[in-house]
Amino acid sequence: MRDLLLLGPDRNAVSGISTHLNQLMDSQLAHQYRMSHFQVGSEGRAEGRLGKLRRMLLSPWQLAWVLLRERPAIVHINSAMDSKAFWRDLAYLLVARALGRRIVYQIHGGALPDVFTRGSAAYAWLVRAVCRIPDSFVLIARIEDQAWHRFMPNLRTRVIANAIDTGWVPETQDCGFRTSGELRLAYLGRIVETKGVFETLEALASLHREGVPARLTIAGSGA
């Protein structure tokens, strides 16, 4: 059984990445890999400016120690395309590559690459160089995949959409579907195109065409 080290925020944080980590660690993959978690970022931490600076300086070295001690076969870095996450996770990416680990680099939203690089040729070159380092580059939406292939035509990507864990629903309950006769769905998040809101509306239309009564409630901020 091989070891898999997952990098991401505190597992108890209210975060899409935290949900993703928990789903992985509670999934059938736990029978194939020994999975452990290395916490990154400020979510779930009570720290001031000095503590944050100390963490930023020491955390890459702490990751190196964990990699040397536990020797995981795969390092799964969960990041996002915003400046703070990109530069923070670049340090972890370089440490994992320097120590010869196979790397899965998964992008969880943020800006699309042409927007992220802000028209800077030098910055775009750097982002392309960084994205060639991982062994596997994973995205969570088709629109992101299309944008990345416009930005890097030769980039090999995998699209793995976020999942919804229905394991918590007791088999003896129907969550009101049979009693109300209607499938009730909710979206909570930023209301922007890159979050897949339009795809959600298309899915709702498909349900209606198939005669499935469904109601979608959308809540959040954005454009």
C-alpha atoms as a PDB file:
ATOM      1  CA  MET A   1       0.000   0.000   0.000  1.00  0.00           C
ATOM      2  CA  ARG A   2       1.455   3.337  -1.076  1.00  0.00           C
ATOM      3  CA  ASP A   3       1.322   6.563   0.911  1.00  0.00           C
ATOM      4  CA  LEU A   4      -0.473   9.668  -0.340  1.00  0.00           C
ATOM      5  CA  LEU A   5       0.085  13.084   1.236  1.00  0.00           C
ATOM      6  CA  LEU A   6      -2.710  15.628   0.734  1.00  0.00           C
ATOM      7  CA  LEU A   7      -1.891  19.327   1.019  1.00  0.00           C
ATOM      8  CA  GLY A   8      -4.730  21.694   1.846  1.00  0.00           C
ATOM      9  CA  PRO A   9      -6.381  23.830   4.528  1.00  0.00           C
ATOM     10  CA  ASP A  10      -7.683  22.667   7.884  1.00  0.00           C
ATOM     11  CA  ARG A  11     -10.129  19.801   7.331  1.00  0.00           C
ATOM     12  CA  ASN A  12     -12.691  21.484   9.584  1.00  0.00           C
ATOM     13  CA  ALA A  13     -12.609  24.780   7.684  1.00  0.00           C
ATOM     14  CA  VAL A  14     -15.654  25.922   5.697  1.00  0.00           C
ATOM     15  CA  SER A  15     -13.980  25.494   2.343  1.00  0.00           C
ATOM     16  CA  GLY A  16     -14.514  23.675  -0.900  1.00  0.00           C
ATOM     17  CA  ILE A  17     -10.976  22.313  -0.714  1.00  0.00           C
ATOM     18  CA  SER A  18     -11.549  21.061   2.839  1.00  0.00           C
ATOM     19  CA  THR A  19     -14.673  19.248   1.636  1.00  0.00           C
ATOM     20  CA  HIS A  20     -12.642  17.753  -1.209  1.00  0.00           C
ATOM     21  CA  LEU A  21      -9.951  16.534   1.207  1.00  0.00           C
ATOM     22  CA  ASN A  22     -12.505  14.965   3.532  1.00  0.00           C
ATOM     23  CA  GLN A  23     -14.234  13.186   0.656  1.00  0.00           C
ATOM     24  CA  LEU A  24     -10.938  11.750  -0.558  1.00  0.00           C
ATOM     25  CA  MET A  25      -9.869  10.590   2.884  1.00  0.00           C
ATOM     26  CA  ASP A  26     -13.260   8.988   3.540  1.00  0.00           C
ATOM     27  CA  SER A  27     -13.512   7.375   0.102  1.00  0.00           C
ATOM     28  CA  GLN A  28     -12.591   3.920  -1.206  1.00  0.00           C
ATOM     29  CA  LEU A  29      -9.119   5.296  -1.966  1.00  0.00           C
ATOM     30  CA  ALA A  30      -8.406   4.850   1.742  1.00  0.00           C
ATOM     31  CA  HIS A  31      -8.275   1.094   1.048  1.00  0.00           C
ATOM     32  CA  GLN A  32      -5.611   1.619  -1.634  1.00  0.00           C
ATOM     33  CA  TYR A  33      -3.474   4.375  -0.104  1.00  0.00           C
ATOM     34  CA  ARG A  34      -2.384   5.388   3.361  1.00  0.00           C
ATOM     35  CA  MET A  35      -3.511   9.006   3.243  1.00  0.00           C
ATOM     36  CA  SER A  36      -2.301  11.784   5.505  1.00  0.00           C
ATOM     37  CA  HIS A  37      -2.899  15.528   5.579  1.00  0.00           C
ATOM     38  CA  PHE A  38      -0.399  18.398   5.624  1.00  0.00           C
ATOM     39  CA  GLN A  39      -2.128  21.653   6.518  1.00  0.00           C
ATOM     40  CA  VAL A  40      -1.337  24.780   4.504  1.00  0.00           C
ATOM     41  CA  GLY A  41      -2.740  28.303   4.618  1.00  0.00           C
ATOM     42  CA  SER A  42      -4.267  30.326   7.422  1.00  0.00           C
ATOM     43  CA  GLU A  43      -7.729  28.732   7.559  1.00  0.00           C
ATOM     44  CA  GLY A  44      -8.331  27.029  10.883  1.00  0.00           C
ATOM     45  CA  ARG A  45      -5.359  28.698  12.558  1.00  0.00           C
ATOM     46  CA  ALA A  46      -5.356  31.302  15.319  1.00  0.00           C
ATOM     47  CA  GLU A  47      -2.218  33.263  14.527  1.00  0.00           C
ATOM     48  CA  GLY A  48      -1.108  36.875  14.392  1.00  0.00           C
ATOM     49  CA  ARG A  49       1.228  38.519  11.907  1.00  0.00           C
ATOM     50  CA  LEU A  50       4.335  37.111  13.563  1.00  0.00           C
ATOM     51  CA  GLY A  51       2.871  33.612  13.611  1.00  0.00           C
ATOM     52  CA  LYS A  52       1.898  33.887   9.946  1.00  0.00           C
ATOM     53  CA  LEU A  53       5.398  35.032   8.974  1.00  0.00           C
ATOM     54  CA  ARG A  54       6.940  32.202  10.983  1.00  0.00           C
ATOM     55  CA  ARG A  55       4.663  29.662   9.285  1.00  0.00           C
ATOM     56  CA  MET A  56       5.465  31.002   5.816  1.00  0.00           C
ATOM     57  CA  LEU A  57       9.197  30.676   6.462  1.00  0.00           C
ATOM     58  CA  LEU A  58       9.158  27.284   8.180  1.00  0.00           C
ATOM     59  CA  SER A  59       6.329  25.437   6.441  1.00  0.00           C
ATOM     60  CA  PRO A  60       8.292  24.387   3.301  1.00  0.00           C
ATOM     61  CA  TRP A  61      11.018  22.963   5.550  1.00  0.00           C
ATOM     62  CA  GLN A  62       8.379  21.165   7.606  1.00  0.00           C
ATOM     63  CA  LEU A  63       6.984  19.642   4.409  1.00  0.00           C
ATOM     64  CA  ALA A  64      10.482  18.483   3.433  1.00  0.00           C
ATOM     65  CA  TRP A  65      10.843  16.795   6.823  1.00  0.00           C
ATOM     66  CA  VAL A  66       7.460  15.065   6.434  1.00  0.00           C
ATOM     67  CA  LEU A  67       8.400  13.840   2.953  1.00  0.00           C
ATOM     68  CA  LEU A  68      11.729  12.479   4.168  1.00  0.00           C
ATOM     69  CA  ARG A  69      10.158  10.857   7.235  1.00  0.00           C
ATOM     70  CA  GLU A  70       6.993   9.364   5.707  1.00  0.00           C
ATOM     71  CA  ARG A  71       8.223   8.953   2.115  1.00  0.00           C
ATOM     72  CA  PRO A  72       4.803   9.223   0.388  1.00  0.00           C
ATOM     73  CA  ALA A  73       4.699   8.060  -3.203  1.00  0.00           C
ATOM     74  CA  ILE A  74       2.360  10.880  -4.255  1.00  0.00           C
ATOM     75  CA  VAL A  75       1.973  14.471  -3.096  1.00  0.00           C
ATOM     76  CA  HIS A  76      -1.451  15.939  -3.910  1.00  0.00           C
ATOM     77  CA  ILE A  77      -1.287  19.753  -3.844  1.00  0.00           C
ATOM     78  CA  ASN A  78      -4.686  21.479  -3.758  1.00  0.00           C
ATOM     79  CA  SER A  79      -4.346  25.079  -4.854  1.00  0.00           C
ATOM     80  CA  ALA A  80      -6.233  27.930  -6.507  1.00  0.00           C
ATOM     81  CA  MET A  81      -5.368  30.564  -9.061  1.00  0.00           C
ATOM     82  CA  ASP A  82      -4.966  33.565  -6.819  1.00  0.00           C
ATOM     83  CA  SER A  83      -1.648  35.212  -6.018  1.00  0.00           C
ATOM     84  CA  LYS A  84      -1.477  34.158  -2.361  1.00  0.00           C
ATOM     85  CA  ALA A  85      -2.181  30.491  -3.062  1.00  0.00           C
ATOM     86  CA  PHE A  86       0.009  30.363  -6.188  1.00  0.00           C
ATOM     87  CA  TRP A  87       3.176  31.675  -4.524  1.00  0.00           C
ATOM     88  CA  ARG A  88       2.579  29.724  -1.316  1.00  0.00           C
ATOM     89  CA  ASP A  89       2.027  26.431  -3.107  1.00  0.00           C
ATOM     90  CA  LEU A  90       4.923  27.032  -5.507  1.00  0.00           C
ATOM     91  CA  ALA A  91       7.266  26.501  -2.543  1.00  0.00           C
ATOM     92  CA  TYR A  92       5.593  23.167  -1.728  1.00  0.00           C
ATOM     93  CA  LEU A  93       5.668  22.155  -5.385  1.00  0.00           C
ATOM     94  CA  LEU A  94       9.411  22.792  -5.635  1.00  0.00           C
ATOM     95  CA  VAL A  95      10.106  20.919  -2.383  1.00  0.00           C
ATOM     96  CA  ALA A  96       8.130  17.878  -3.552  1.00  0.00           C
ATOM     97  CA  ARG A  97       9.876  17.887  -6.942  1.00  0.00           C
ATOM     98  CA  ALA A  98      13.330  18.331  -5.386  1.00  0.00           C
ATOM     99  CA  LEU A  99      12.682  15.252  -3.236  1.00  0.00           C
ATOM    100  CA  GLY A 100      11.580  13.206  -6.223  1.00  0.00           C
ATOM    101  CA  ARG A 101       7.914  12.730  -5.361  1.00  0.00           C
ATOM    102  CA  ARG A 102       5.177  12.273  -7.960  1.00  0.00           C
ATOM    103  CA  ILE A 103       2.897  15.305  -7.837  1.00  0.00           C
ATOM    104  CA  VAL A 104      -0.803  15.804  -8.477  1.00  0.00           C
ATOM    105  CA  TYR A 105      -1.510  19.531  -8.751  1.00  0.00           C
ATOM    106  CA  GLN A 106      -5.216  20.351  -8.554  1.00  0.00           C
ATOM    107  CA  ILE A 107      -6.651  23.810  -9.195  1.00  0.00           C
ATOM    108  CA  HIS A 108      -9.825  24.676  -7.266  1.00  0.00           C
ATOM    109  CA  GLY A 109     -11.116  27.788  -8.991  1.00  0.00           C
ATOM    110  CA  GLY A 110      -9.743  31.291  -8.854  1.00  0.00           C
ATOM    111  CA  ALA A 111      -8.904  33.353 -11.920  1.00  0.00           C
ATOM    112  CA  LEU A 112      -8.536  31.840 -15.356  1.00  0.00           C
ATOM    113  CA  PRO A 113      -4.889  31.831 -16.488  1.00  0.00           C
ATOM    114  CA  ASP A 114      -5.087  34.718 -18.973  1.00  0.00           C
ATOM    115  CA  VAL A 115      -6.707  36.879 -16.300  1.00  0.00           C
ATOM    116  CA  PHE A 116      -4.317  35.673 -13.601  1.00  0.00           C
ATOM    117  CA  THR A 117      -1.247  36.642 -15.622  1.00  0.00           C
ATOM    118  CA  ARG A 118      -2.747  40.089 -16.329  1.00  0.00           C
ATOM    119  CA  GLY A 119      -1.270  40.401 -19.810  1.00  0.00           C
ATOM    120  CA  SER A 120       2.316  40.140 -18.526  1.00  0.00           C
ATOM    121  CA  ALA A 121       4.455  38.020 -20.851  1.00  0.00           C
ATOM    122  CA  ALA A 122       7.027  37.365 -18.114  1.00  0.00           C
ATOM    123  CA  TYR A 123       4.372  36.319 -15.597  1.00  0.00           C
ATOM    124  CA  ALA A 124       2.685  34.107 -18.187  1.00  0.00           C
ATOM    125  CA  TRP A 125       6.034  32.429 -18.917  1.00  0.00           C
ATOM    126  CA  LEU A 126       6.531  31.764 -15.206  1.00  0.00           C
ATOM    127  CA  VAL A 127       3.044  30.278 -14.757  1.00  0.00           C
ATOM    128  CA  ARG A 128       3.558  28.008 -17.774  1.00  0.00           C
ATOM    129  CA  ALA A 129       6.927  26.860 -16.408  1.00  0.00           C
ATOM    130  CA  VAL A 130       5.389  26.100 -13.006  1.00  0.00           C
ATOM    131  CA  CYS A 131       2.514  24.139 -14.528  1.00  0.00           C
ATOM    132  CA  ARG A 132       4.938  21.850 -16.364  1.00  0.00           C
ATOM    133  CA  ILE A 133       6.407  20.639 -13.054  1.00  0.00           C
ATOM    134  CA  PRO A 134       3.567  18.378 -11.762  1.00  0.00           C
ATOM    135  CA  ASP A 135       3.057  14.863 -13.085  1.00  0.00           C
ATOM    136  CA  SER A 136      -0.714  15.388 -13.216  1.00  0.00           C
ATOM    137  CA  PHE A 137      -2.612  18.674 -13.622  1.00  0.00           C
ATOM    138  CA  VAL A 138      -6.241  18.451 -12.482  1.00  0.00           C
ATOM    139  CA  LEU A 139      -9.073  20.931 -13.011  1.00  0.00           C
ATOM    140  CA  ILE A 140     -12.657  20.826 -11.752  1.00  0.00           C
ATOM    141  CA  ALA A 141     -14.628  22.355 -14.664  1.00  0.00           C
ATOM    142  CA  ARG A 142     -14.758  22.224 -18.461  1.00  0.00           C
ATOM    143  CA  ILE A 143     -14.579  25.998 -18.783  1.00  0.00           C
ATOM    144  CA  GLU A 144     -11.294  25.975 -16.862  1.00  0.00           C
ATOM    145  CA  ASP A 145      -9.954  23.180 -19.037  1.00  0.00           C
ATOM    146  CA  GLN A 146     -10.768  25.145 -22.180  1.00  0.00           C
ATOM    147  CA  ALA A 147      -9.118  28.283 -20.798  1.00  0.00           C
ATOM    148  CA  TRP A 148      -5.961  26.422 -19.800  1.00  0.00           C
ATOM    149  CA  HIS A 149      -5.630  24.815 -23.217  1.00  0.00           C
ATOM    150  CA  ARG A 150      -5.900  28.220 -24.840  1.00  0.00           C
ATOM    151  CA  PHE A 151      -3.174  29.394 -22.462  1.00  0.00           C
ATOM    152  CA  MET A 152      -1.017  26.235 -22.776  1.00  0.00           C
ATOM    153  CA  PRO A 153      -2.095  24.142 -25.796  1.00  0.00           C
ATOM    154  CA  ASN A 154       0.266  21.265 -24.910  1.00  0.00           C
ATOM    155  CA  LEU A 155      -0.710  21.059 -21.233  1.00  0.00           C
ATOM    156  CA  ARG A 156      -2.009  17.605 -20.318  1.00  0.00           C
ATOM    157  CA  THR A 157      -4.989  18.014 -18.002  1.00  0.00           C
ATOM    158  CA  ARG A 158      -7.641  15.944 -16.307  1.00  0.00           C
ATOM    159  CA  VAL A 159     -11.074  17.323 -15.431  1.00  0.00           C
ATOM    160  CA  ILE A 160     -12.570  15.823 -12.266  1.00  0.00           C
ATOM    161  CA  ALA A 161     -15.683  17.651 -11.149  1.00  0.00           C
ATOM    162  CA  ASN A 162     -16.399  18.183  -7.477  1.00  0.00           C
ATOM    163  CA  ALA A 163     -18.652  15.533  -5.973  1.00  0.00           C
ATOM    164  CA  ILE A 164     -21.576  15.635  -3.576  1.00  0.00           C
ATOM    165  CA  ASP A 165     -21.374  13.126  -0.740  1.00  0.00           C
ATOM    166  CA  THR A 166     -24.795  11.541  -0.276  1.00  0.00           C
ATOM    167  CA  GLY A 167     -23.555   8.949   2.209  1.00  0.00           C
ATOM    168  CA  TRP A 168     -24.938  10.947   5.118  1.00  0.00           C
ATOM    169  CA  VAL A 169     -28.548  10.431   3.929  1.00  0.00           C
ATOM    170  CA  PRO A 170     -30.161   7.558   5.866  1.00  0.00           C
ATOM    171  CA  GLU A 171     -31.753   4.968   3.619  1.00  0.00           C
ATOM    172  CA  THR A 172     -34.981   5.238   5.584  1.00  0.00           C
ATOM    173  CA  GLN A 173     -35.398   8.927   4.735  1.00  0.00           C
ATOM    174  CA  ASP A 174     -36.086  10.636   1.442  1.00  0.00           C
ATOM    175  CA  CYS A 175     -35.235  14.236   2.421  1.00  0.00           C
ATOM    176  CA  GLY A 176     -38.731  15.299   1.426  1.00  0.00           C
ATOM    177  CA  PHE A 177     -38.448  14.297  -2.232  1.00  0.00           C
ATOM    178  CA  ARG A 178     -41.291  11.791  -2.217  1.00  0.00           C
ATOM    179  CA  THR A 179     -43.431  13.840   0.134  1.00  0.00           C
ATOM    180  CA  SER A 180     -43.034  17.065  -1.817  1.00  0.00           C
ATOM    181  CA  GLY A 181     -42.803  15.462  -5.241  1.00  0.00           C
ATOM    182  CA  GLU A 182     -40.008  17.875  -6.108  1.00  0.00           C
ATOM    183  CA  LEU A 183     -36.205  17.610  -6.197  1.00  0.00           C
ATOM    184  CA  ARG A 184     -34.855  20.599  -4.302  1.00  0.00           C
ATOM    185  CA  LEU A 185     -31.334  21.785  -5.078  1.00  0.00           C
ATOM    186  CA  ALA A 186     -29.279  24.654  -3.701  1.00  0.00           C
ATOM    187  CA  TYR A 187     -26.149  26.459  -4.904  1.00  0.00           C
ATOM    188  CA  LEU A 188     -24.207  28.503  -2.360  1.00  0.00           C
ATOM    189  CA  GLY A 189     -21.090  30.319  -3.555  1.00  0.00           C
ATOM    190  CA  ARG A 190     -19.791  33.077  -5.777  1.00  0.00           C
ATOM    191  CA  ILE A 191     -22.180  33.724  -8.651  1.00  0.00           C
ATOM    192  CA  VAL A 192     -19.693  33.818 -11.513  1.00  0.00           C
ATOM    193  CA  GLU A 193     -19.435  31.878 -14.765  1.00  0.00           C
ATOM    194  CA  THR A 194     -16.336  29.935 -13.722  1.00  0.00           C
ATOM    195  CA  LYS A 195     -18.236  28.335 -10.831  1.00  0.00           C
ATOM    196  CA  GLY A 196     -20.421  26.399 -13.261  1.00  0.00           C
ATOM    197  CA  VAL A 197     -23.679  28.244 -12.624  1.00  0.00           C
ATOM    198  CA  PHE A 198     -24.671  28.070 -16.291  1.00  0.00           C
ATOM    199  CA  GLU A 199     -23.961  24.323 -16.414  1.00  0.00           C
ATOM    200  CA  THR A 200     -26.176  23.944 -13.348  1.00  0.00           C
ATOM    201  CA  LEU A 201     -29.013  25.734 -15.119  1.00  0.00           C
ATOM    202  CA  GLU A 202     -28.524  23.491 -18.161  1.00  0.00           C
ATOM    203  CA  ALA A 203     -28.757  20.431 -15.894  1.00  0.00           C
ATOM    204  CA  LEU A 204     -31.968  21.795 -14.382  1.00  0.00           C
ATOM    205  CA  ALA A 205     -33.421  22.277 -17.856  1.00  0.00           C
ATOM    206  CA  SER A 206     -32.506  18.664 -18.696  1.00  0.00           C
ATOM    207  CA  LEU A 207     -34.362  17.457 -15.604  1.00  0.00           C
ATOM    208  CA  HIS A 208     -37.463  19.408 -16.612  1.00  0.00           C
ATOM    209  CA  ARG A 209     -37.317  17.993 -20.144  1.00  0.00           C
ATOM    210  CA  GLU A 210     -37.224  14.511 -18.625  1.00  0.00           C
ATOM    211  CA  GLY A 211     -40.267  15.306 -16.524  1.00  0.00           C
ATOM    212  CA  VAL A 212     -38.437  15.541 -13.191  1.00  0.00           C
ATOM    213  CA  PRO A 213     -39.857  18.422 -11.119  1.00  0.00           C
ATOM    214  CA  ALA A 214     -36.927  20.309  -9.621  1.00  0.00           C
ATOM    215  CA  ARG A 215     -36.314  23.638  -7.958  1.00  0.00           C
ATOM    216  CA  LEU A 216     -32.920  25.348  -7.728  1.00  0.00           C
ATOM    217  CA  THR A 217     -32.137  28.070  -5.202  1.00  0.00           C
ATOM    218  CA  ILE A 218     -29.037  30.198  -5.882  1.00  0.00           C
ATOM    219  CA  ALA A 219     -27.434  32.305  -3.178  1.00  0.00           C
ATOM    220  CA  GLY A 220     -24.170  34.223  -3.086  1.00  0.00           C
ATOM    221  CA  SER A 221     -22.417  37.325  -4.314  1.00  0.00           C
ATOM    222  CA  GLY A 222     -20.770  38.107  -7.613  1.00  0.00           C
ATOM    223  CA  ALA A 223     -21.523  39.349 -11.089  1.00  0.00           C
END
